[in-house]
Amino acid sequence: MSAEIIFVVEEAAEGGYEAKALGHSIFTQGETLEEVREAVKDAVRCHFEDDQLPRIIRLHLVKDELLAV
């Protein structure tokens, strides 16, 4: 059992958010951050057996910002 799993969450080009797990083949998306949180929990439950579920899900929110000079 892994203690935690980390997801990188980024804004999607077409709107909403995409979440990708580091080190695992798990990808999900949602229109809002709340939807992504729920989708990530569901995806983790589907990916792992009960005795292999990580205890913690960490979301690393990445936001690109462009500044004009």
N, C-alpha and C. Protein backbone atom coordinates (compact mmCIF):
# COMPACT_ATOMS: atom_id res chain seq x y z
N MET A 1 0.84 -1.19 0.00
CA MET A 1 0.00 0.00 0.00
C MET A 1 0.89 1.25 0.00
N SER A 2 0.58 2.16 -0.88
CA SER A 2 1.29 3.43 -0.95
C SER A 2 0.61 4.41 0.00
N ALA A 3 1.41 5.22 0.66
CA ALA A 3 0.85 6.18 1.60
C ALA A 3 0.07 7.29 0.90
N GLU A 4 0.57 7.71 -0.27
CA GLU A 4 -0.14 8.77 -0.98
C GLU A 4 0.06 8.64 -2.48
N ILE A 5 -0.83 9.28 -3.21
CA ILE A 5 -0.74 9.37 -4.66
C ILE A 5 -0.87 10.85 -5.01
N ILE A 6 -0.08 11.28 -6.00
CA ILE A 6 -0.05 12.69 -6.37
C ILE A 6 -0.63 12.86 -7.77
N PHE A 7 -1.52 13.84 -7.90
CA PHE A 7 -2.09 14.21 -9.19
C PHE A 7 -1.66 15.63 -9.54
N VAL A 8 -1.30 15.83 -10.80
CA VAL A 8 -1.06 17.17 -11.32
C VAL A 8 -2.37 17.63 -11.96
N VAL A 9 -2.87 18.76 -11.52
CA VAL A 9 -4.14 19.29 -12.03
C VAL A 9 -3.84 20.58 -12.79
N GLU A 10 -4.27 20.60 -14.06
CA GLU A 10 -4.04 21.77 -14.91
C GLU A 10 -5.34 22.18 -15.58
N GLU A 11 -5.40 23.45 -15.96
CA GLU A 11 -6.55 23.92 -16.74
C GLU A 11 -6.47 23.30 -18.12
N ALA A 12 -7.60 22.79 -18.62
CA ALA A 12 -7.65 22.19 -19.95
C ALA A 12 -7.81 23.28 -21.00
N ALA A 13 -7.25 23.06 -22.18
CA ALA A 13 -7.33 24.05 -23.26
C ALA A 13 -8.77 24.36 -23.65
N GLU A 14 -9.63 23.33 -23.60
CA GLU A 14 -11.03 23.51 -23.99
C GLU A 14 -11.92 23.90 -22.82
N GLY A 15 -11.34 24.20 -21.68
CA GLY A 15 -12.09 24.58 -20.48
C GLY A 15 -12.11 23.47 -19.46
N GLY A 16 -12.35 23.79 -18.23
CA GLY A 16 -12.34 22.80 -17.16
C GLY A 16 -10.93 22.47 -16.73
N TYR A 17 -10.78 21.29 -16.12
CA TYR A 17 -9.50 20.88 -15.56
C TYR A 17 -9.22 19.42 -15.90
N GLU A 18 -7.92 19.10 -16.00
CA GLU A 18 -7.47 17.73 -16.22
C GLU A 18 -6.56 17.34 -15.05
N ALA A 19 -6.67 16.10 -14.61
CA ALA A 19 -5.84 15.59 -13.52
C ALA A 19 -5.14 14.32 -13.97
N LYS A 20 -3.82 14.27 -13.79
CA LYS A 20 -3.02 13.11 -14.17
C LYS A 20 -2.22 12.65 -12.96
N ALA A 21 -2.28 11.35 -12.68
CA ALA A 21 -1.53 10.79 -11.56
C ALA A 21 -0.07 10.63 -11.95
N LEU A 22 0.82 10.90 -11.02
CA LEU A 22 2.24 10.67 -11.23
C LEU A 22 2.56 9.22 -10.88
N GLY A 23 3.12 8.49 -11.83
CA GLY A 23 3.53 7.11 -11.58
C GLY A 23 2.44 6.07 -11.74
N HIS A 24 1.27 6.49 -12.15
CA HIS A 24 0.15 5.58 -12.36
C HIS A 24 -0.61 6.01 -13.62
N SER A 25 -1.27 5.08 -14.26
CA SER A 25 -2.05 5.38 -15.46
C SER A 25 -3.47 5.79 -15.09
N ILE A 26 -3.58 6.92 -14.42
CA ILE A 26 -4.88 7.43 -14.01
C ILE A 26 -5.01 8.86 -14.54
N PHE A 27 -6.09 9.11 -15.27
CA PHE A 27 -6.37 10.42 -15.84
C PHE A 27 -7.86 10.68 -15.69
N THR A 28 -8.21 11.89 -15.30
CA THR A 28 -9.63 12.24 -15.19
C THR A 28 -9.76 13.75 -15.41
N GLN A 29 -10.98 14.21 -15.48
CA GLN A 29 -11.22 15.63 -15.74
C GLN A 29 -12.54 16.07 -15.13
N GLY A 30 -12.74 17.39 -15.10
CA GLY A 30 -13.99 17.95 -14.59
C GLY A 30 -14.10 19.41 -14.98
N GLU A 31 -15.30 19.92 -14.95
CA GLU A 31 -15.54 21.33 -15.31
C GLU A 31 -15.06 22.28 -14.21
N THR A 32 -15.18 21.87 -12.96
CA THR A 32 -14.77 22.70 -11.84
C THR A 32 -13.76 21.94 -10.99
N LEU A 33 -13.09 22.65 -10.09
CA LEU A 33 -12.14 21.98 -9.20
C LEU A 33 -12.86 20.99 -8.29
N GLU A 34 -14.06 21.31 -7.87
CA GLU A 34 -14.83 20.39 -7.02
C GLU A 34 -15.14 19.10 -7.79
N GLU A 35 -15.52 19.23 -9.06
CA GLU A 35 -15.78 18.04 -9.88
C GLU A 35 -14.51 17.21 -10.05
N VAL A 36 -13.38 17.87 -10.23
CA VAL A 36 -12.10 17.15 -10.36
C VAL A 36 -11.78 16.41 -9.07
N ARG A 37 -11.99 17.05 -7.94
CA ARG A 37 -11.72 16.37 -6.66
C ARG A 37 -12.51 15.07 -6.54
N GLU A 38 -13.79 15.14 -6.85
CA GLU A 38 -14.64 13.94 -6.78
C GLU A 38 -14.23 12.90 -7.82
N ALA A 39 -13.91 13.36 -9.04
CA ALA A 39 -13.51 12.45 -10.11
C ALA A 39 -12.19 11.75 -9.76
N VAL A 40 -11.27 12.47 -9.14
CA VAL A 40 -9.99 11.87 -8.73
C VAL A 40 -10.23 10.78 -7.68
N LYS A 41 -11.07 11.06 -6.70
CA LYS A 41 -11.36 10.04 -5.68
C LYS A 41 -11.99 8.80 -6.30
N ASP A 42 -12.94 9.01 -7.21
CA ASP A 42 -13.58 7.88 -7.90
C ASP A 42 -12.57 7.09 -8.73
N ALA A 43 -11.70 7.80 -9.45
CA ALA A 43 -10.70 7.13 -10.30
C ALA A 43 -9.72 6.31 -9.45
N VAL A 44 -9.32 6.84 -8.31
CA VAL A 44 -8.39 6.11 -7.43
C VAL A 44 -9.07 4.86 -6.88
N ARG A 45 -10.33 4.98 -6.47
CA ARG A 45 -11.06 3.81 -5.97
C ARG A 45 -11.19 2.73 -7.04
N CYS A 46 -11.39 3.15 -8.30
CA CYS A 46 -11.52 2.19 -9.40
C CYS A 46 -10.18 1.55 -9.76
N HIS A 47 -9.10 2.28 -9.62
CA HIS A 47 -7.79 1.80 -10.05
C HIS A 47 -7.16 0.81 -9.07
N PHE A 48 -7.40 1.00 -7.77
CA PHE A 48 -6.75 0.19 -6.74
C PHE A 48 -7.75 -0.74 -6.07
N GLU A 49 -7.27 -1.90 -5.65
CA GLU A 49 -8.04 -2.79 -4.78
C GLU A 49 -8.14 -2.13 -3.41
N ASP A 50 -9.14 -2.52 -2.63
CA ASP A 50 -9.36 -1.91 -1.31
C ASP A 50 -8.12 -1.95 -0.43
N ASP A 51 -7.39 -3.07 -0.45
CA ASP A 51 -6.22 -3.19 0.42
C ASP A 51 -4.99 -2.46 -0.14
N GLN A 52 -5.09 -1.89 -1.34
CA GLN A 52 -3.99 -1.16 -1.95
C GLN A 52 -4.25 0.35 -2.06
N LEU A 53 -5.42 0.80 -1.60
CA LEU A 53 -5.78 2.21 -1.71
C LEU A 53 -4.78 3.11 -0.97
N PRO A 54 -4.30 4.17 -1.62
CA PRO A 54 -3.46 5.14 -0.92
C PRO A 54 -4.28 5.82 0.19
N ARG A 55 -3.61 6.17 1.26
CA ARG A 55 -4.32 6.85 2.36
C ARG A 55 -4.56 8.32 2.05
N ILE A 56 -3.69 8.92 1.23
CA ILE A 56 -3.78 10.35 0.94
C ILE A 56 -3.72 10.56 -0.57
N ILE A 57 -4.56 11.48 -1.05
CA ILE A 57 -4.50 11.93 -2.44
C ILE A 57 -4.07 13.39 -2.40
N ARG A 58 -2.94 13.66 -3.04
CA ARG A 58 -2.44 15.03 -3.08
C ARG A 58 -2.69 15.61 -4.48
N LEU A 59 -3.31 16.79 -4.53
CA LEU A 59 -3.54 17.48 -5.80
C LEU A 59 -2.56 18.63 -5.91
N HIS A 60 -1.74 18.59 -6.95
CA HIS A 60 -0.79 19.68 -7.22
C HIS A 60 -1.40 20.53 -8.31
N LEU A 61 -1.90 21.72 -7.95
CA LEU A 61 -2.57 22.60 -8.89
C LEU A 61 -1.54 23.45 -9.62
N VAL A 62 -1.53 23.34 -10.96
CA VAL A 62 -0.59 24.09 -11.79
C VAL A 62 -1.37 25.13 -12.58
N LYS A 63 -0.92 26.35 -12.51
CA LYS A 63 -1.61 27.42 -13.24
C LYS A 63 -0.57 28.26 -13.96
N ASP A 64 -0.70 28.33 -15.28
CA ASP A 64 0.17 29.18 -16.08
C ASP A 64 -0.44 30.56 -16.12
N GLU A 65 0.43 31.56 -15.97
CA GLU A 65 -0.03 32.94 -16.02
C GLU A 65 0.93 33.73 -16.89
N LEU A 66 0.39 34.45 -17.85
CA LEU A 66 1.22 35.28 -18.72
C LEU A 66 1.08 36.72 -18.30
N LEU A 67 2.22 37.37 -18.23
CA LEU A 67 2.24 38.79 -17.85
C LEU A 67 2.85 39.60 -18.98
N ALA A 68 2.20 40.67 -19.37
CA ALA A 68 2.76 41.56 -20.38
C ALA A 68 3.72 42.52 -19.69
N VAL A 69 4.79 42.86 -20.39
CA VAL A 69 5.77 43.77 -19.81
C VAL A 69 5.77 45.08 -20.57
